[in-house]
Amino acid sequence: MKVVILSRNPRLYSTRRLIEAIEARGHEARVIDPLRCYMNIATSNPEIHYKGEKLENFDAVIPRIGASITFYGTAVLRQFEMLGTYPLNESQGISRSRDKLRALQLLSREGVGMPATGFAHSPDDTDDLIKLVGGSPVVIKLLEGTQGIGVVLAETRKAAASVIQALRGLKAHFLVQDFVEEAGGADIRCLIIGGKVVAAMKRQGGEGEFRSNLHRGGSAELVKISPRERATAVKAAKVLGLNVCGVDILRSNSGPVVMEVNSSPGLQGIERATGKDVAGLIIDFIERNHKPGRTRTRGKRG
């Protein structure tokens, strides 16, 4: 089996682990920078070229597309799909998850628990928007933010209004969410592969930090999740049409709520916290499921 990994940096932990897992099973791995790909979008003979070479005859493609290159990266992935290459995650599922507003709307439509969330365009609606999600404190998130960047906790209505005014001045798109205080600065990352939670870790923010992202200095440890938390994570992945993803859950007084679904989850934190060979489980899934032309998204349209 020939597997292409779409990644801008072959030295990253997750990319290296996937290469190791592919080669350990006797397959061929190749890392391709999606931004160096260029495409012939032809009806009869679509092509992908990379540094003067035509890319063809790959059995599967693993997208490790960063948020900053989602637009072009998913275009390259769609081209592989047109060629009949089996995608670990499809372009449509990745696009859904990267658009935070769209993802939350889809999850809400399917009854997946999540914090009260508001979104508005006009500055005249600021006060009512804050009330809509339960009043202060609130969490304000840039739609384009990743790894905890662009996430602000506003503890008072006045502070929230000031942050919102500043973001509107920058013409930035953002969400306002109820602050789940009882989570205590911790969340649960559930790693989904093929509709099953294969690993879960609890991430705890540092002293005085409400964000639990490991990139923000948080810590991680193995955690046992409840059946309801497991079902919530699995349903979130299914709704967005993702075979492999990280689902971030908060433990609220009303039950598990989904904060985000990551279509390109990092492997370092969860492998070290749980001792699981997540990279190997991903390749095992591809071995069982890859077929030429098998690119129909499992999730619902939206």
C-alpha atoms as a PDB file:
ATOM      1  CA  MET A   1       0.000   0.000   0.000  1.00  0.00           C
ATOM      2  CA  LYS A   2       1.280   3.471  -0.953  1.00  0.00           C
ATOM      3  CA  VAL A   3       0.215   6.210   1.447  1.00  0.00           C
ATOM      4  CA  VAL A   4       0.719   9.935   0.973  1.00  0.00           C
ATOM      5  CA  ILE A   5       0.760  12.211   4.019  1.00  0.00           C
ATOM      6  CA  LEU A   6      -0.177  15.815   3.324  1.00  0.00           C
ATOM      7  CA  SER A   7       2.033  17.689   5.773  1.00  0.00           C
ATOM      8  CA  ARG A   8       4.190  20.802   5.585  1.00  0.00           C
ATOM      9  CA  ASN A   9       6.769  19.459   8.048  1.00  0.00           C
ATOM     10  CA  PRO A  10       7.907  15.815   8.016  1.00  0.00           C
ATOM     11  CA  ARG A  11       9.760  16.381  11.323  1.00  0.00           C
ATOM     12  CA  LEU A  12       6.611  17.006  13.356  1.00  0.00           C
ATOM     13  CA  TYR A  13       5.874  14.317  15.954  1.00  0.00           C
ATOM     14  CA  SER A  14       2.527  13.299  14.456  1.00  0.00           C
ATOM     15  CA  THR A  15       3.912  13.059  10.921  1.00  0.00           C
ATOM     16  CA  ARG A  16       6.937  11.052  12.061  1.00  0.00           C
ATOM     17  CA  ARG A  17       4.765   8.631  14.030  1.00  0.00           C
ATOM     18  CA  LEU A  18       2.501   8.049  11.031  1.00  0.00           C
ATOM     19  CA  ILE A  19       5.524   7.357   8.819  1.00  0.00           C
ATOM     20  CA  GLU A  20       6.841   4.870  11.379  1.00  0.00           C
ATOM     21  CA  ALA A  21       3.471   3.110  11.629  1.00  0.00           C
ATOM     22  CA  ILE A  22       3.100   2.894   7.843  1.00  0.00           C
ATOM     23  CA  GLU A  23       6.598   1.493   7.306  1.00  0.00           C
ATOM     24  CA  ALA A  24       6.323  -0.896  10.275  1.00  0.00           C
ATOM     25  CA  ARG A  25       3.438  -2.586   8.450  1.00  0.00           C
ATOM     26  CA  GLY A  26       5.427  -2.966   5.237  1.00  0.00           C
ATOM     27  CA  HIS A  27       3.815  -0.084   3.367  1.00  0.00           C
ATOM     28  CA  GLU A  28       5.334   2.882   1.565  1.00  0.00           C
ATOM     29  CA  ALA A  29       4.960   6.378   3.029  1.00  0.00           C
ATOM     30  CA  ARG A  30       5.578   9.690   1.317  1.00  0.00           C
ATOM     31  CA  VAL A  31       5.219  13.168   2.805  1.00  0.00           C
ATOM     32  CA  ILE A  32       4.003  15.888   0.452  1.00  0.00           C
ATOM     33  CA  ASP A  33       3.704  19.607   1.203  1.00  0.00           C
ATOM     34  CA  PRO A  34       0.191  20.482  -0.037  1.00  0.00           C
ATOM     35  CA  LEU A  35       1.215  24.080  -0.774  1.00  0.00           C
ATOM     36  CA  ARG A  36       3.776  22.788  -3.299  1.00  0.00           C
ATOM     37  CA  CYS A  37       1.139  20.823  -5.177  1.00  0.00           C
ATOM     38  CA  TYR A  38      -0.517  22.177  -8.305  1.00  0.00           C
ATOM     39  CA  MET A  39      -3.447  20.663 -10.130  1.00  0.00           C
ATOM     40  CA  ASN A  40      -5.013  20.110 -13.511  1.00  0.00           C
ATOM     41  CA  ILE A  41      -8.760  20.121 -12.863  1.00  0.00           C
ATOM     42  CA  ALA A  42      -9.852  18.315 -16.004  1.00  0.00           C
ATOM     43  CA  THR A  43     -13.069  16.366 -16.480  1.00  0.00           C
ATOM     44  CA  SER A  44     -11.490  13.396 -18.213  1.00  0.00           C
ATOM     45  CA  ASN A  45      -8.028  13.287 -16.651  1.00  0.00           C
ATOM     46  CA  PRO A  46      -7.542  15.206 -13.380  1.00  0.00           C
ATOM     47  CA  GLU A  47      -3.926  15.410 -12.230  1.00  0.00           C
ATOM     48  CA  ILE A  48      -1.812  16.485  -9.262  1.00  0.00           C
ATOM     49  CA  HIS A  49       1.769  17.610  -9.745  1.00  0.00           C
ATOM     50  CA  TYR A  50       4.469  18.163  -7.139  1.00  0.00           C
ATOM     51  CA  LYS A  51       7.831  19.755  -7.938  1.00  0.00           C
ATOM     52  CA  GLY A  52       7.509  18.750 -11.575  1.00  0.00           C
ATOM     53  CA  GLU A  53       6.353  15.195 -10.835  1.00  0.00           C
ATOM     54  CA  LYS A  54       2.907  13.783 -11.508  1.00  0.00           C
ATOM     55  CA  LEU A  55       1.483  12.158  -8.365  1.00  0.00           C
ATOM     56  CA  GLU A  56      -0.466   8.992  -9.011  1.00  0.00           C
ATOM     57  CA  ASN A  57      -1.168   5.425  -7.868  1.00  0.00           C
ATOM     58  CA  PHE A  58      -1.477   6.194  -4.176  1.00  0.00           C
ATOM     59  CA  ASP A  59      -3.829   3.932  -2.221  1.00  0.00           C
ATOM     60  CA  ALA A  60      -4.607   6.322   0.625  1.00  0.00           C
ATOM     61  CA  VAL A  61      -4.036   9.912   1.669  1.00  0.00           C
ATOM     62  CA  ILE A  62      -3.675  11.162   5.257  1.00  0.00           C
ATOM     63  CA  PRO A  63      -4.406  14.892   5.509  1.00  0.00           C
ATOM     64  CA  ARG A  64      -2.402  16.723   8.180  1.00  0.00           C
ATOM     65  CA  ILE A  65      -3.588  20.126   7.033  1.00  0.00           C
ATOM     66  CA  GLY A  66      -2.977  23.062   9.348  1.00  0.00           C
ATOM     67  CA  ALA A  67      -5.778  25.541   9.976  1.00  0.00           C
ATOM     68  CA  SER A  68      -3.906  28.345   8.206  1.00  0.00           C
ATOM     69  CA  ILE A  69      -3.903  26.437   4.894  1.00  0.00           C
ATOM     70  CA  THR A  70      -7.360  24.871   5.074  1.00  0.00           C
ATOM     71  CA  PHE A  71      -8.599  26.409   1.809  1.00  0.00           C
ATOM     72  CA  TYR A  72      -5.757  25.214  -0.413  1.00  0.00           C
ATOM     73  CA  GLY A  73      -5.091  22.051   1.568  1.00  0.00           C
ATOM     74  CA  THR A  74      -8.656  20.789   1.181  1.00  0.00           C
ATOM     75  CA  ALA A  75      -8.530  21.657  -2.529  1.00  0.00           C
ATOM     76  CA  VAL A  76      -5.501  19.364  -2.897  1.00  0.00           C
ATOM     77  CA  LEU A  77      -7.274  16.668  -0.884  1.00  0.00           C
ATOM     78  CA  ARG A  78     -10.351  16.931  -3.134  1.00  0.00           C
ATOM     79  CA  GLN A  79      -8.093  16.384  -6.106  1.00  0.00           C
ATOM     80  CA  PHE A  80      -6.793  13.142  -4.565  1.00  0.00           C
ATOM     81  CA  GLU A  81     -10.428  12.146  -3.980  1.00  0.00           C
ATOM     82  CA  MET A  82     -11.148  12.815  -7.678  1.00  0.00           C
ATOM     83  CA  LEU A  83      -8.316  10.424  -8.512  1.00  0.00           C
ATOM     84  CA  GLY A  84      -9.962   7.722  -6.385  1.00  0.00           C
ATOM     85  CA  THR A  85      -7.401   7.815  -3.549  1.00  0.00           C
ATOM     86  CA  TYR A  86      -8.936   6.798  -0.215  1.00  0.00           C
ATOM     87  CA  PRO A  87      -8.864   9.732   2.262  1.00  0.00           C
ATOM     88  CA  LEU A  88      -8.497   9.107   5.983  1.00  0.00           C
ATOM     89  CA  ASN A  89     -10.719  12.177   6.429  1.00  0.00           C
ATOM     90  CA  GLU A  90     -12.601  13.662   3.521  1.00  0.00           C
ATOM     91  CA  SER A  91     -12.272  17.263   2.445  1.00  0.00           C
ATOM     92  CA  GLN A  92     -15.919  17.962   3.258  1.00  0.00           C
ATOM     93  CA  GLY A  93     -15.559  16.770   6.854  1.00  0.00           C
ATOM     94  CA  ILE A  94     -12.400  18.835   7.353  1.00  0.00           C
ATOM     95  CA  SER A  95     -14.088  21.945   5.951  1.00  0.00           C
ATOM     96  CA  ARG A  96     -17.036  21.458   8.296  1.00  0.00           C
ATOM     97  CA  SER A  97     -14.862  21.114  11.388  1.00  0.00           C
ATOM     98  CA  ARG A  98     -12.630  24.095  10.526  1.00  0.00           C
ATOM     99  CA  ASP A  99     -15.625  26.414  10.210  1.00  0.00           C
ATOM    100  CA  LYS A 100     -16.420  26.634  13.936  1.00  0.00           C
ATOM    101  CA  LEU A 101     -19.776  28.318  13.444  1.00  0.00           C
ATOM    102  CA  ARG A 102     -20.906  25.796  10.854  1.00  0.00           C
ATOM    103  CA  ALA A 103     -19.693  22.896  12.995  1.00  0.00           C
ATOM    104  CA  LEU A 104     -21.610  24.116  16.045  1.00  0.00           C
ATOM    105  CA  GLN A 105     -24.758  24.632  13.985  1.00  0.00           C
ATOM    106  CA  LEU A 106     -24.522  21.071  12.662  1.00  0.00           C
ATOM    107  CA  LEU A 107     -23.905  19.646  16.135  1.00  0.00           C
ATOM    108  CA  SER A 108     -26.806  21.660  17.546  1.00  0.00           C
ATOM    109  CA  ARG A 109     -29.132  20.427  14.814  1.00  0.00           C
ATOM    110  CA  GLU A 110     -28.322  16.832  15.735  1.00  0.00           C
ATOM    111  CA  GLY A 111     -28.800  17.367  19.472  1.00  0.00           C
ATOM    112  CA  VAL A 112     -25.145  17.175  20.526  1.00  0.00           C
ATOM    113  CA  GLY A 113     -24.573  18.956  23.868  1.00  0.00           C
ATOM    114  CA  MET A 114     -22.555  22.164  23.726  1.00  0.00           C
ATOM    115  CA  PRO A 115     -22.265  25.439  25.699  1.00  0.00           C
ATOM    116  CA  ALA A 116     -24.795  28.192  24.999  1.00  0.00           C
ATOM    117  CA  THR A 117     -23.293  29.996  22.006  1.00  0.00           C
ATOM    118  CA  GLY A 118     -24.026  33.367  20.437  1.00  0.00           C
ATOM    119  CA  PHE A 119     -23.038  34.952  17.138  1.00  0.00           C
ATOM    120  CA  ALA A 120     -23.949  38.419  15.893  1.00  0.00           C
ATOM    121  CA  HIS A 121     -22.870  41.024  13.367  1.00  0.00           C
ATOM    122  CA  SER A 122     -24.230  44.346  14.605  1.00  0.00           C
ATOM    123  CA  PRO A 123     -22.600  46.150  17.584  1.00  0.00           C
ATOM    124  CA  ASP A 124     -26.090  47.218  18.661  1.00  0.00           C
ATOM    125  CA  ASP A 125     -26.735  43.605  19.690  1.00  0.00           C
ATOM    126  CA  THR A 126     -23.790  43.233  22.106  1.00  0.00           C
ATOM    127  CA  ASP A 127     -25.682  43.476  25.411  1.00  0.00           C
ATOM    128  CA  ASP A 128     -28.409  41.118  24.294  1.00  0.00           C
ATOM    129  CA  LEU A 129     -25.846  38.712  22.868  1.00  0.00           C
ATOM    130  CA  ILE A 130     -24.139  38.432  26.254  1.00  0.00           C
ATOM    131  CA  LYS A 131     -27.491  37.870  27.974  1.00  0.00           C
ATOM    132  CA  LEU A 132     -28.370  35.276  25.348  1.00  0.00           C
ATOM    133  CA  VAL A 133     -25.576  32.958  26.485  1.00  0.00           C
ATOM    134  CA  GLY A 134     -26.327  33.413  30.184  1.00  0.00           C
ATOM    135  CA  GLY A 135     -24.508  36.623  31.073  1.00  0.00           C
ATOM    136  CA  SER A 136     -20.947  37.107  32.280  1.00  0.00           C
ATOM    137  CA  PRO A 137     -18.490  35.545  32.558  1.00  0.00           C
ATOM    138  CA  VAL A 138     -18.300  34.544  28.894  1.00  0.00           C
ATOM    139  CA  VAL A 139     -15.677  33.067  26.606  1.00  0.00           C
ATOM    140  CA  ILE A 140     -15.036  34.925  23.353  1.00  0.00           C
ATOM    141  CA  LYS A 141     -13.441  32.932  20.523  1.00  0.00           C
ATOM    142  CA  LEU A 142     -12.097  33.953  17.157  1.00  0.00           C
ATOM    143  CA  LEU A 143     -13.526  31.670  14.479  1.00  0.00           C
ATOM    144  CA  GLU A 144     -10.047  31.313  12.970  1.00  0.00           C
ATOM    145  CA  GLY A 145      -8.245  30.652  16.278  1.00  0.00           C
ATOM    146  CA  THR A 146      -6.375  27.411  17.030  1.00  0.00           C
ATOM    147  CA  GLN A 147      -4.503  25.865  19.980  1.00  0.00           C
ATOM    148  CA  GLY A 148      -6.161  28.281  22.400  1.00  0.00           C
ATOM    149  CA  ILE A 149      -4.995  31.366  20.489  1.00  0.00           C
ATOM    150  CA  GLY A 150      -7.773  33.920  20.054  1.00  0.00           C
ATOM    151  CA  VAL A 151      -9.735  32.710  23.104  1.00  0.00           C
ATOM    152  CA  VAL A 152     -10.517  35.246  25.827  1.00  0.00           C
ATOM    153  CA  LEU A 153     -12.330  34.904  29.155  1.00  0.00           C
ATOM    154  CA  ALA A 154     -14.319  38.057  29.924  1.00  0.00           C
ATOM    155  CA  GLU A 155     -15.340  37.972  33.582  1.00  0.00           C
ATOM    156  CA  THR A 156     -17.702  40.964  33.486  1.00  0.00           C
ATOM    157  CA  ARG A 157     -20.247  42.322  31.019  1.00  0.00           C
ATOM    158  CA  LYS A 158     -18.163  45.491  30.622  1.00  0.00           C
ATOM    159  CA  ALA A 159     -15.016  43.492  29.840  1.00  0.00           C
ATOM    160  CA  ALA A 160     -16.921  41.354  27.334  1.00  0.00           C
ATOM    161  CA  ALA A 161     -18.334  44.422  25.600  1.00  0.00           C
ATOM    162  CA  SER A 162     -14.832  45.930  25.342  1.00  0.00           C
ATOM    163  CA  VAL A 163     -13.350  42.786  23.796  1.00  0.00           C
ATOM    164  CA  ILE A 164     -16.244  42.461  21.368  1.00  0.00           C
ATOM    165  CA  GLN A 165     -15.900  46.099  20.352  1.00  0.00           C
ATOM    166  CA  ALA A 166     -12.184  45.616  19.688  1.00  0.00           C
ATOM    167  CA  LEU A 167     -12.758  42.494  17.599  1.00  0.00           C
ATOM    168  CA  ARG A 168     -15.458  44.192  15.574  1.00  0.00           C
ATOM    169  CA  GLY A 169     -13.068  47.086  14.953  1.00  0.00           C
ATOM    170  CA  LEU A 170     -10.665  44.532  13.451  1.00  0.00           C
ATOM    171  CA  LYS A 171     -13.539  43.057  11.395  1.00  0.00           C
ATOM    172  CA  ALA A 172     -12.884  39.686  13.011  1.00  0.00           C
ATOM    173  CA  HIS A 173     -15.523  36.954  13.253  1.00  0.00           C
ATOM    174  CA  PHE A 174     -16.038  35.489  16.708  1.00  0.00           C
ATOM    175  CA  LEU A 175     -18.324  33.449  18.936  1.00  0.00           C
ATOM    176  CA  VAL A 176     -19.494  34.207  22.453  1.00  0.00           C
ATOM    177  CA  GLN A 177     -20.015  31.187  24.713  1.00  0.00           C
ATOM    178  CA  ASP A 178     -21.183  30.532  28.225  1.00  0.00           C
ATOM    179  CA  PHE A 179     -18.207  29.920  30.549  1.00  0.00           C
ATOM    180  CA  VAL A 180     -18.424  26.421  32.029  1.00  0.00           C
ATOM    181  CA  GLU A 181     -16.854  27.299  35.371  1.00  0.00           C
ATOM    182  CA  GLU A 182     -17.437  23.881  36.949  1.00  0.00           C
ATOM    183  CA  ALA A 183     -15.003  22.322  34.426  1.00  0.00           C
ATOM    184  CA  GLY A 184     -12.212  23.892  36.480  1.00  0.00           C
ATOM    185  CA  GLY A 185      -9.977  24.713  33.547  1.00  0.00           C
ATOM    186  CA  ALA A 186      -9.936  21.084  32.372  1.00  0.00           C
ATOM    187  CA  ASP A 187     -11.312  19.312  29.329  1.00  0.00           C
ATOM    188  CA  ILE A 188     -11.403  15.794  27.945  1.00  0.00           C
ATOM    189  CA  ARG A 189      -9.819  15.012  24.570  1.00  0.00           C
ATOM    190  CA  CYS A 190     -11.399  11.921  23.031  1.00  0.00           C
ATOM    191  CA  LEU A 191      -9.540  10.440  20.074  1.00  0.00           C
ATOM    192  CA  ILE A 192     -11.973   8.897  17.589  1.00  0.00           C
ATOM    193  CA  ILE A 193     -11.014   6.336  14.956  1.00  0.00           C
ATOM    194  CA  GLY A 194     -13.725   4.752  12.837  1.00  0.00           C
ATOM    195  CA  GLY A 195     -16.600   5.642  15.150  1.00  0.00           C
ATOM    196  CA  LYS A 196     -14.893   4.487  18.350  1.00  0.00           C
ATOM    197  CA  VAL A 197     -13.081   6.294  21.173  1.00  0.00           C
ATOM    198  CA  VAL A 198      -9.665   4.612  21.140  1.00  0.00           C
ATOM    199  CA  ALA A 199      -7.985   6.909  23.690  1.00  0.00           C
ATOM    200  CA  ALA A 200      -8.969   9.694  26.065  1.00  0.00           C
ATOM    201  CA  MET A 201      -6.987  12.129  28.178  1.00  0.00           C
ATOM    202  CA  LYS A 202      -7.796  14.873  30.625  1.00  0.00           C
ATOM    203  CA  ARG A 203      -6.072  18.165  29.886  1.00  0.00           C
ATOM    204  CA  GLN A 204      -5.669  20.609  32.753  1.00  0.00           C
ATOM    205  CA  GLY A 205      -4.804  24.252  32.325  1.00  0.00           C
ATOM    206  CA  GLY A 206      -1.894  25.729  34.241  1.00  0.00           C
ATOM    207  CA  GLU A 207      -2.236  27.846  37.359  1.00  0.00           C
ATOM    208  CA  GLY A 208      -4.643  30.718  36.684  1.00  0.00           C
ATOM    209  CA  GLU A 209      -5.271  29.511  33.090  1.00  0.00           C
ATOM    210  CA  PHE A 210      -8.767  28.577  31.942  1.00  0.00           C
ATOM    211  CA  ARG A 211      -7.523  27.166  28.623  1.00  0.00           C
ATOM    212  CA  SER A 212      -6.402  23.543  28.819  1.00  0.00           C
ATOM    213  CA  ASN A 213      -4.456  23.370  25.526  1.00  0.00           C
ATOM    214  CA  LEU A 214      -1.098  21.637  25.870  1.00  0.00           C
ATOM    215  CA  HIS A 215       0.391  24.359  23.651  1.00  0.00           C
ATOM    216  CA  ARG A 216      -0.613  26.844  26.360  1.00  0.00           C
ATOM    217  CA  GLY A 217       1.304  24.961  29.065  1.00  0.00           C
ATOM    218  CA  GLY A 218      -1.450  22.554  30.145  1.00  0.00           C
ATOM    219  CA  SER A 219      -0.810  19.023  31.419  1.00  0.00           C
ATOM    220  CA  ALA A 220      -2.378  15.754  30.328  1.00  0.00           C
ATOM    221  CA  GLU A 221      -3.211  12.463  32.008  1.00  0.00           C
ATOM    222  CA  LEU A 222      -5.114   9.274  31.270  1.00  0.00           C
ATOM    223  CA  VAL A 223      -8.809   9.525  32.128  1.00  0.00           C
ATOM    224  CA  LYS A 224     -11.761   7.156  32.254  1.00  0.00           C
ATOM    225  CA  ILE A 225     -14.767   8.578  30.429  1.00  0.00           C
ATOM    226  CA  SER A 226     -18.433   7.851  31.065  1.00  0.00           C
ATOM    227  CA  PRO A 227     -20.735   6.115  28.552  1.00  0.00           C
ATOM    228  CA  ARG A 228     -22.478   9.454  27.969  1.00  0.00           C
ATOM    229  CA  GLU A 229     -19.184  11.209  27.252  1.00  0.00           C
ATOM    230  CA  ARG A 230     -18.177   8.405  24.890  1.00  0.00           C
ATOM    231  CA  ALA A 231     -21.497   8.593  23.040  1.00  0.00           C
ATOM    232  CA  THR A 232     -21.258  12.377  22.761  1.00  0.00           C
ATOM    233  CA  ALA A 233     -17.770  12.233  21.240  1.00  0.00           C
ATOM    234  CA  VAL A 234     -18.716   9.503  18.765  1.00  0.00           C
ATOM    235  CA  LYS A 235     -21.846  11.354  17.661  1.00  0.00           C
ATOM    236  CA  ALA A 236     -19.919  14.608  17.145  1.00  0.00           C
ATOM    237  CA  ALA A 237     -17.448  12.849  14.846  1.00  0.00           C
ATOM    238  CA  LYS A 238     -20.274  11.206  12.920  1.00  0.00           C
ATOM    239  CA  VAL A 239     -22.220  14.440  12.454  1.00  0.00           C
ATOM    240  CA  LEU A 240     -19.191  16.166  10.914  1.00  0.00           C
ATOM    241  CA  GLY A 241     -18.300  13.131   8.800  1.00  0.00           C
ATOM    242  CA  LEU A 242     -14.837  12.475  10.247  1.00  0.00           C
ATOM    243  CA  ASN A 243     -13.237   9.038  10.496  1.00  0.00           C
ATOM    244  CA  VAL A 244     -10.414  10.307  12.706  1.00  0.00           C
ATOM    245  CA  CYS A 245     -10.627  13.345  14.975  1.00  0.00           C
ATOM    246  CA  GLY A 246     -10.133  14.713  18.444  1.00  0.00           C
ATOM    247  CA  VAL A 247     -13.335  15.731  20.225  1.00  0.00           C
ATOM    248  CA  ASP A 248     -12.861  18.166  23.107  1.00  0.00           C
ATOM    249  CA  ILE A 249     -15.471  17.856  25.856  1.00  0.00           C
ATOM    250  CA  LEU A 250     -16.136  19.800  29.034  1.00  0.00           C
ATOM    251  CA  ARG A 251     -17.760  18.211  32.067  1.00  0.00           C
ATOM    252  CA  SER A 252     -20.625  20.577  32.872  1.00  0.00           C
ATOM    253  CA  ASN A 253     -23.406  20.355  35.451  1.00  0.00           C
ATOM    254  CA  SER A 254     -25.808  19.445  32.648  1.00  0.00           C
ATOM    255  CA  GLY A 255     -23.552  16.713  31.228  1.00  0.00           C
ATOM    256  CA  PRO A 256     -20.809  16.586  28.589  1.00  0.00           C
ATOM    257  CA  VAL A 257     -20.637  19.520  26.175  1.00  0.00           C
ATOM    258  CA  VAL A 258     -18.530  19.623  23.017  1.00  0.00           C
ATOM    259  CA  MET A 259     -16.167  22.563  22.680  1.00  0.00           C
ATOM    260  CA  GLU A 260     -14.455  21.662  19.421  1.00  0.00           C
ATOM    261  CA  VAL A 261     -13.841  18.859  16.945  1.00  0.00           C
ATOM    262  CA  ASN A 262     -10.296  18.729  15.577  1.00  0.00           C
ATOM    263  CA  SER A 263      -9.936  16.987  12.216  1.00  0.00           C
ATOM    264  CA  SER A 264      -6.134  16.861  12.469  1.00  0.00           C
ATOM    265  CA  PRO A 265      -5.469  16.031  16.129  1.00  0.00           C
ATOM    266  CA  GLY A 266      -1.924  15.966  17.426  1.00  0.00           C
ATOM    267  CA  LEU A 267      -0.692  12.544  18.502  1.00  0.00           C
ATOM    268  CA  GLN A 268       2.100  13.426  20.915  1.00  0.00           C
ATOM    269  CA  GLY A 269       0.017  14.411  23.943  1.00  0.00           C
ATOM    270  CA  ILE A 270      -2.487  11.597  23.747  1.00  0.00           C
ATOM    271  CA  GLU A 271       0.068   8.861  22.999  1.00  0.00           C
ATOM    272  CA  ARG A 272       2.208   9.923  25.950  1.00  0.00           C
ATOM    273  CA  ALA A 273      -0.743  10.332  28.323  1.00  0.00           C
ATOM    274  CA  THR A 274      -2.425   7.034  27.451  1.00  0.00           C
ATOM    275  CA  GLY A 275       0.430   4.816  26.236  1.00  0.00           C
ATOM    276  CA  LYS A 276      -1.649   3.935  23.169  1.00  0.00           C
ATOM    277  CA  ASP A 277      -0.140   3.463  19.713  1.00  0.00           C
ATOM    278  CA  VAL A 278      -2.641   5.837  18.125  1.00  0.00           C
ATOM    279  CA  ALA A 279      -0.614   6.170  14.912  1.00  0.00           C
ATOM    280  CA  GLY A 280      -0.675   2.402  14.498  1.00  0.00           C
ATOM    281  CA  LEU A 281      -4.435   2.277  15.093  1.00  0.00           C
ATOM    282  CA  ILE A 282      -4.910   4.890  12.362  1.00  0.00           C
ATOM    283  CA  ILE A 283      -2.950   2.822   9.845  1.00  0.00           C
ATOM    284  CA  ASP A 284      -4.839  -0.328  10.897  1.00  0.00           C
ATOM    285  CA  PHE A 285      -8.078   1.537  10.115  1.00  0.00           C
ATOM    286  CA  ILE A 286      -6.801   2.508   6.661  1.00  0.00           C
ATOM    287  CA  GLU A 287      -5.761  -1.095   5.952  1.00  0.00           C
ATOM    288  CA  ARG A 288      -9.287  -2.306   6.742  1.00  0.00           C
ATOM    289  CA  ASN A 289     -11.160   0.405   4.890  1.00  0.00           C
ATOM    290  CA  HIS A 290      -9.205   1.706   1.924  1.00  0.00           C
ATOM    291  CA  LYS A 291     -10.713   0.992  -1.468  1.00  0.00           C
ATOM    292  CA  PRO A 292     -10.253   2.835  -4.767  1.00  0.00           C
ATOM    293  CA  GLY A 293     -12.896   5.524  -5.180  1.00  0.00           C
ATOM    294  CA  ARG A 294     -14.281   5.101  -1.659  1.00  0.00           C
ATOM    295  CA  THR A 295     -14.734   8.763  -0.823  1.00  0.00           C
ATOM    296  CA  ARG A 296     -18.362   9.112   0.247  1.00  0.00           C
ATOM    297  CA  THR A 297     -18.626  11.118   3.450  1.00  0.00           C
ATOM    298  CA  ARG A 298     -20.266   9.203   6.269  1.00  0.00           C
ATOM    299  CA  GLY A 299     -21.702  12.241   8.024  1.00  0.00           C
ATOM    300  CA  LYS A 300     -24.801  14.184   7.024  1.00  0.00           C
ATOM    301  CA  ARG A 301     -24.672  17.040   4.564  1.00  0.00           C
ATOM    302  CA  GLY A 302     -24.511  20.606   5.783  1.00  0.00           C
END
